[in-house]
Amino acid sequence: MKLPLTAVLAAIWFFICASISVAQQASDLDELIKKYGTLQHAGKYSEAIAVAKQILAIQEGRPGSNDLAVASWLSNLGELYRNQGRYSDAEPLLQRSLAIREKTLGRDHLEVGQSLNNLAMLYQSQGRYRDAEPLYHRSSAIFEKTLGRDHPNVAASLNNLAYLYQSEGRYADAEKLHRRWPFVRRRSAAIIPM
């Protein structure tokens, strides 16, 4: 079956317009990401939140959207909210980021560990220590397994756990942690009295 020339030309025109649109969107997204980084590093969190929302909307609206890109921007936006004390805004974003990463990457992936640590920090900021503690344990285990015992991410996660113990008055638990993890002890000596 032969297509009329106008149908062929219309299909070519549609393809060209779609290609230009995709290229322009990618360029716009790159510019937004740069703008977000600049604002976030300058501590202009309210402005960074607006840009992060735009990026997230673009990522979620892309055909065949990359779930990991969506998870990353959910996490970024959640962390911005946490840093501003907007905990009720942060929690569903951080939970959704964790769920996407667990589903896509598996329960023991490094990015899952980061999501667990971020959610634990949120819970700790809210005084929800019982919710935070198991997340710190799990993130530390993931970091240790994937990065090695002396990696700074292991130390940071365990340092957060030690700080949680201190906040609860569990100084003996914090001390045990420090004895078990000398690298953490060096990094957090100023936080926990020995």
C-alpha atoms as a PDB file:
ATOM      1  CA  MET A   1       0.000   0.000   0.000  1.00  0.00           C
ATOM      2  CA  LYS A   2       1.379   3.404  -1.001  1.00  0.00           C
ATOM      3  CA  LEU A   3       1.012   6.335   1.363  1.00  0.00           C
ATOM      4  CA  PRO A   4       0.123   9.720  -0.073  1.00  0.00           C
ATOM      5  CA  LEU A   5       3.027  12.145  -0.204  1.00  0.00           C
ATOM      6  CA  THR A   6       1.300  14.492   2.254  1.00  0.00           C
ATOM      7  CA  ALA A   7       1.078  11.695   4.849  1.00  0.00           C
ATOM      8  CA  VAL A   8       4.775  10.915   4.444  1.00  0.00           C
ATOM      9  CA  LEU A   9       5.715  14.603   4.716  1.00  0.00           C
ATOM     10  CA  ALA A  10       3.491  15.008   7.796  1.00  0.00           C
ATOM     11  CA  ALA A  11       5.179  12.024   9.463  1.00  0.00           C
ATOM     12  CA  ILE A  12       8.642  13.443   8.697  1.00  0.00           C
ATOM     13  CA  TRP A  13       7.622  16.874  10.017  1.00  0.00           C
ATOM     14  CA  PHE A  14       6.242  15.295  13.226  1.00  0.00           C
ATOM     15  CA  PHE A  15       9.499  13.371  13.736  1.00  0.00           C
ATOM     16  CA  ILE A  16      11.609  16.532  13.241  1.00  0.00           C
ATOM     17  CA  CYS A  17       9.469  18.555  15.661  1.00  0.00           C
ATOM     18  CA  ALA A  18       9.536  15.771  18.247  1.00  0.00           C
ATOM     19  CA  SER A  19      13.329  15.500  17.964  1.00  0.00           C
ATOM     20  CA  ILE A  20      13.769  19.238  18.410  1.00  0.00           C
ATOM     21  CA  SER A  21      11.404  19.197  21.390  1.00  0.00           C
ATOM     22  CA  VAL A  22      13.297  16.331  23.082  1.00  0.00           C
ATOM     23  CA  ALA A  23      16.650  18.074  22.508  1.00  0.00           C
ATOM     24  CA  GLN A  24      15.274  21.358  23.881  1.00  0.00           C
ATOM     25  CA  GLN A  25      13.837  19.587  26.942  1.00  0.00           C
ATOM     26  CA  ALA A  26      17.215  17.964  27.636  1.00  0.00           C
ATOM     27  CA  SER A  27      18.921  21.348  27.354  1.00  0.00           C
ATOM     28  CA  ASP A  28      16.317  22.980  29.617  1.00  0.00           C
ATOM     29  CA  LEU A  29      16.724  20.165  32.143  1.00  0.00           C
ATOM     30  CA  ASP A  30      20.509  20.576  32.166  1.00  0.00           C
ATOM     31  CA  GLU A  31      20.095  24.303  32.824  1.00  0.00           C
ATOM     32  CA  LEU A  32      17.631  23.655  35.650  1.00  0.00           C
ATOM     33  CA  ILE A  33      19.983  21.130  37.243  1.00  0.00           C
ATOM     34  CA  LYS A  34      22.837  23.661  37.129  1.00  0.00           C
ATOM     35  CA  LYS A  35      20.563  26.327  38.612  1.00  0.00           C
ATOM     36  CA  TYR A  36      19.465  23.927  41.372  1.00  0.00           C
ATOM     37  CA  GLY A  37      23.086  23.144  42.275  1.00  0.00           C
ATOM     38  CA  THR A  38      23.989  26.812  42.443  1.00  0.00           C
ATOM     39  CA  LEU A  39      20.992  27.674  44.631  1.00  0.00           C
ATOM     40  CA  GLN A  40      21.413  24.673  46.919  1.00  0.00           C
ATOM     41  CA  HIS A  41      25.102  25.324  47.493  1.00  0.00           C
ATOM     42  CA  ALA A  42      24.366  28.997  48.172  1.00  0.00           C
ATOM     43  CA  GLY A  43      21.871  27.992  50.862  1.00  0.00           C
ATOM     44  CA  LYS A  44      18.943  29.492  48.948  1.00  0.00           C
ATOM     45  CA  TYR A  45      16.700  26.581  49.842  1.00  0.00           C
ATOM     46  CA  SER A  46      13.325  28.134  49.044  1.00  0.00           C
ATOM     47  CA  GLU A  47      14.469  28.933  45.511  1.00  0.00           C
ATOM     48  CA  ALA A  48      16.168  25.531  45.202  1.00  0.00           C
ATOM     49  CA  ILE A  49      12.908  23.830  46.206  1.00  0.00           C
ATOM     50  CA  ALA A  50      11.027  25.561  43.374  1.00  0.00           C
ATOM     51  CA  VAL A  51      13.656  24.436  40.849  1.00  0.00           C
ATOM     52  CA  ALA A  52      13.784  20.898  42.271  1.00  0.00           C
ATOM     53  CA  LYS A  53       9.990  20.676  41.896  1.00  0.00           C
ATOM     54  CA  GLN A  54      10.318  21.691  38.230  1.00  0.00           C
ATOM     55  CA  ILE A  55      13.019  19.072  37.644  1.00  0.00           C
ATOM     56  CA  LEU A  56      10.988  16.393  39.392  1.00  0.00           C
ATOM     57  CA  ALA A  57       7.921  17.246  37.286  1.00  0.00           C
ATOM     58  CA  ILE A  58       9.995  16.976  34.107  1.00  0.00           C
ATOM     59  CA  GLN A  59      11.503  13.664  35.200  1.00  0.00           C
ATOM     60  CA  GLU A  60       8.114  12.229  36.146  1.00  0.00           C
ATOM     61  CA  GLY A  61       6.534  13.420  32.897  1.00  0.00           C
ATOM     62  CA  ARG A  62       9.124  11.995  30.539  1.00  0.00           C
ATOM     63  CA  PRO A  63       7.952   9.096  28.423  1.00  0.00           C
ATOM     64  CA  GLY A  64       9.734   5.991  29.657  1.00  0.00           C
ATOM     65  CA  SER A  65      10.834   8.039  32.644  1.00  0.00           C
ATOM     66  CA  ASN A  66      13.882   6.823  34.511  1.00  0.00           C
ATOM     67  CA  ASP A  67      12.658   5.706  37.920  1.00  0.00           C
ATOM     68  CA  LEU A  68      16.104   6.238  39.427  1.00  0.00           C
ATOM     69  CA  ALA A  69      16.192   9.842  38.238  1.00  0.00           C
ATOM     70  CA  VAL A  70      12.771  10.365  39.821  1.00  0.00           C
ATOM     71  CA  ALA A  71      14.010   8.725  43.056  1.00  0.00           C
ATOM     72  CA  SER A  72      17.062  10.973  43.079  1.00  0.00           C
ATOM     73  CA  TRP A  73      14.996  14.150  42.741  1.00  0.00           C
ATOM     74  CA  LEU A  74      12.473  12.961  45.310  1.00  0.00           C
ATOM     75  CA  SER A  75      15.411  12.515  47.669  1.00  0.00           C
ATOM     76  CA  ASN A  76      16.908  15.920  46.813  1.00  0.00           C
ATOM     77  CA  LEU A  77      13.598  17.669  47.388  1.00  0.00           C
ATOM     78  CA  GLY A  78      12.973  15.707  50.589  1.00  0.00           C
ATOM     79  CA  GLU A  79      16.379  16.673  51.937  1.00  0.00           C
ATOM     80  CA  LEU A  80      15.730  20.337  51.169  1.00  0.00           C
ATOM     81  CA  TYR A  81      12.467  20.141  53.093  1.00  0.00           C
ATOM     82  CA  ARG A  82      14.190  18.347  55.988  1.00  0.00           C
ATOM     83  CA  ASN A  83      16.873  21.024  56.120  1.00  0.00           C
ATOM     84  CA  GLN A  84      14.136  23.641  56.425  1.00  0.00           C
ATOM     85  CA  GLY A  85      12.313  21.732  59.160  1.00  0.00           C
ATOM     86  CA  ARG A  86       9.406  20.941  56.819  1.00  0.00           C
ATOM     87  CA  TYR A  87       9.262  17.348  58.006  1.00  0.00           C
ATOM     88  CA  SER A  88       5.726  16.538  56.893  1.00  0.00           C
ATOM     89  CA  ASP A  89       6.668  17.601  53.354  1.00  0.00           C
ATOM     90  CA  ALA A  90       9.939  15.648  53.440  1.00  0.00           C
ATOM     91  CA  GLU A  91       8.696  12.295  54.740  1.00  0.00           C
ATOM     92  CA  PRO A  92       6.519  11.104  51.827  1.00  0.00           C
ATOM     93  CA  LEU A  93       9.187  12.132  49.314  1.00  0.00           C
ATOM     94  CA  LEU A  94      11.962  10.286  51.144  1.00  0.00           C
ATOM     95  CA  GLN A  95       9.737   7.226  51.630  1.00  0.00           C
ATOM     96  CA  ARG A  96       8.829   7.179  47.938  1.00  0.00           C
ATOM     97  CA  SER A  97      12.484   7.548  46.932  1.00  0.00           C
ATOM     98  CA  LEU A  98      13.388   4.595  49.146  1.00  0.00           C
ATOM     99  CA  ALA A  99      10.563   2.467  47.725  1.00  0.00           C
ATOM    100  CA  ILE A 100      11.592   3.189  44.124  1.00  0.00           C
ATOM    101  CA  ARG A 101      15.233   2.409  44.822  1.00  0.00           C
ATOM    102  CA  GLU A 102      14.441  -0.829  46.661  1.00  0.00           C
ATOM    103  CA  LYS A 103      12.153  -1.973  43.846  1.00  0.00           C
ATOM    104  CA  THR A 104      14.549  -0.985  41.068  1.00  0.00           C
ATOM    105  CA  LEU A 105      17.941  -1.775  42.602  1.00  0.00           C
ATOM    106  CA  GLY A 106      17.236  -4.332  45.318  1.00  0.00           C
ATOM    107  CA  ARG A 107      17.276  -4.032  49.105  1.00  0.00           C
ATOM    108  CA  ASP A 108      21.066  -4.008  49.516  1.00  0.00           C
ATOM    109  CA  HIS A 109      22.140  -1.428  46.938  1.00  0.00           C
ATOM    110  CA  LEU A 110      24.283   1.566  47.872  1.00  0.00           C
ATOM    111  CA  GLU A 111      21.585   4.061  46.836  1.00  0.00           C
ATOM    112  CA  VAL A 112      19.100   2.213  49.046  1.00  0.00           C
ATOM    113  CA  GLY A 113      21.563   2.687  51.909  1.00  0.00           C
ATOM    114  CA  GLN A 114      21.639   6.424  51.214  1.00  0.00           C
ATOM    115  CA  SER A 115      17.837   6.589  51.145  1.00  0.00           C
ATOM    116  CA  LEU A 116      17.666   4.714  54.454  1.00  0.00           C
ATOM    117  CA  ASN A 117      20.182   7.096  56.014  1.00  0.00           C
ATOM    118  CA  ASN A 118      18.267  10.158  54.747  1.00  0.00           C
ATOM    119  CA  LEU A 119      14.968   8.854  56.116  1.00  0.00           C
ATOM    120  CA  ALA A 120      16.639   7.976  59.436  1.00  0.00           C
ATOM    121  CA  MET A 121      18.016  11.520  59.701  1.00  0.00           C
ATOM    122  CA  LEU A 122      14.512  12.865  59.142  1.00  0.00           C
ATOM    123  CA  TYR A 123      13.095  10.644  61.885  1.00  0.00           C
ATOM    124  CA  GLN A 124      15.925  11.596  64.223  1.00  0.00           C
ATOM    125  CA  SER A 125      15.259  15.296  63.542  1.00  0.00           C
ATOM    126  CA  GLN A 126      11.672  14.676  64.635  1.00  0.00           C
ATOM    127  CA  GLY A 127      12.724  12.813  67.776  1.00  0.00           C
ATOM    128  CA  ARG A 128      11.398   9.548  66.313  1.00  0.00           C
ATOM    129  CA  TYR A 129      14.396   7.571  67.533  1.00  0.00           C
ATOM    130  CA  ARG A 130      12.716   4.149  67.413  1.00  0.00           C
ATOM    131  CA  ASP A 131      11.933   4.684  63.742  1.00  0.00           C
ATOM    132  CA  ALA A 132      15.414   6.014  62.949  1.00  0.00           C
ATOM    133  CA  GLU A 133      17.550   3.393  64.696  1.00  0.00           C
ATOM    134  CA  PRO A 134      16.802   0.349  62.508  1.00  0.00           C
ATOM    135  CA  LEU A 135      17.254   2.459  59.388  1.00  0.00           C
ATOM    136  CA  TYR A 136      20.723   3.557  60.555  1.00  0.00           C
ATOM    137  CA  HIS A 137      21.634  -0.063  61.296  1.00  0.00           C
ATOM    138  CA  ARG A 138      20.495  -1.185  57.872  1.00  0.00           C
ATOM    139  CA  SER A 139      22.181   1.692  56.000  1.00  0.00           C
ATOM    140  CA  SER A 140      25.454   1.103  57.868  1.00  0.00           C
ATOM    141  CA  ALA A 141      25.343  -2.592  56.977  1.00  0.00           C
ATOM    142  CA  ILE A 142      24.740  -1.778  53.303  1.00  0.00           C
ATOM    143  CA  PHE A 143      27.564   0.768  53.244  1.00  0.00           C
ATOM    144  CA  GLU A 144      29.961  -1.611  54.960  1.00  0.00           C
ATOM    145  CA  LYS A 145      29.084  -4.471  52.617  1.00  0.00           C
ATOM    146  CA  THR A 146      29.375  -2.410  49.434  1.00  0.00           C
ATOM    147  CA  LEU A 147      32.082   0.114  50.309  1.00  0.00           C
ATOM    148  CA  GLY A 148      34.174  -1.552  52.989  1.00  0.00           C
ATOM    149  CA  ARG A 149      34.426  -1.116  56.723  1.00  0.00           C
ATOM    150  CA  ASP A 150      36.568   2.035  56.728  1.00  0.00           C
ATOM    151  CA  HIS A 151      34.654   4.036  54.130  1.00  0.00           C
ATOM    152  CA  PRO A 152      33.480   7.524  55.182  1.00  0.00           C
ATOM    153  CA  ASN A 153      29.839   6.631  54.398  1.00  0.00           C
ATOM    154  CA  VAL A 154      30.029   3.831  56.975  1.00  0.00           C
ATOM    155  CA  ALA A 155      31.504   6.281  59.443  1.00  0.00           C
ATOM    156  CA  ALA A 156      28.877   8.923  58.721  1.00  0.00           C
ATOM    157  CA  SER A 157      25.983   6.507  59.134  1.00  0.00           C
ATOM    158  CA  LEU A 158      27.395   5.107  62.364  1.00  0.00           C
ATOM    159  CA  ASN A 159      28.174   8.597  63.566  1.00  0.00           C
ATOM    160  CA  ASN A 160      24.504   9.446  63.046  1.00  0.00           C
ATOM    161  CA  LEU A 161      23.564   6.346  65.041  1.00  0.00           C
ATOM    162  CA  ALA A 162      25.976   7.311  67.831  1.00  0.00           C
ATOM    163  CA  TYR A 163      24.457  10.799  67.911  1.00  0.00           C
ATOM    164  CA  LEU A 164      21.002   9.215  68.140  1.00  0.00           C
ATOM    165  CA  TYR A 165      22.202   7.155  71.117  1.00  0.00           C
ATOM    166  CA  GLN A 166      23.556  10.304  72.733  1.00  0.00           C
ATOM    167  CA  SER A 167      20.213  12.074  72.179  1.00  0.00           C
ATOM    168  CA  GLU A 168      18.507   9.218  74.007  1.00  0.00           C
ATOM    169  CA  GLY A 169      21.070   9.274  76.831  1.00  0.00           C
ATOM    170  CA  ARG A 170      22.382   5.856  75.756  1.00  0.00           C
ATOM    171  CA  TYR A 171      26.038   6.738  76.287  1.00  0.00           C
ATOM    172  CA  ALA A 172      27.126   3.111  76.855  1.00  0.00           C
ATOM    173  CA  ASP A 173      25.701   2.128  73.455  1.00  0.00           C
ATOM    174  CA  ALA A 174      27.465   5.056  71.823  1.00  0.00           C
ATOM    175  CA  GLU A 175      30.734   4.043  73.518  1.00  0.00           C
ATOM    176  CA  LYS A 176      30.358   0.427  72.317  1.00  0.00           C
ATOM    177  CA  LEU A 177      29.877   1.720  68.819  1.00  0.00           C
ATOM    178  CA  HIS A 178      33.004   3.812  69.086  1.00  0.00           C
ATOM    179  CA  ARG A 179      35.082   0.915  70.379  1.00  0.00           C
ATOM    180  CA  ARG A 180      33.859  -1.306  67.579  1.00  0.00           C
ATOM    181  CA  TRP A 181      34.391   1.303  64.874  1.00  0.00           C
ATOM    182  CA  PRO A 182      37.630   3.215  65.490  1.00  0.00           C
ATOM    183  CA  PHE A 183      37.216   5.194  62.279  1.00  0.00           C
ATOM    184  CA  VAL A 184      33.883   6.488  63.556  1.00  0.00           C
ATOM    185  CA  ARG A 185      35.448   7.362  66.890  1.00  0.00           C
ATOM    186  CA  ARG A 186      37.977   9.647  65.214  1.00  0.00           C
ATOM    187  CA  ARG A 187      35.281  11.352  63.138  1.00  0.00           C
ATOM    188  CA  SER A 188      32.829  11.916  65.956  1.00  0.00           C
ATOM    189  CA  ALA A 189      34.968  12.403  69.074  1.00  0.00           C
ATOM    190  CA  ALA A 190      33.651  15.929  69.433  1.00  0.00           C
ATOM    191  CA  ILE A 191      30.034  14.744  69.488  1.00  0.00           C
ATOM    192  CA  ILE A 192      30.028  11.912  72.027  1.00  0.00           C
ATOM    193  CA  PRO A 193      31.772  12.241  75.403  1.00  0.00           C
ATOM    194  CA  MET A 194      34.171   9.365  75.890  1.00  0.00           C
END
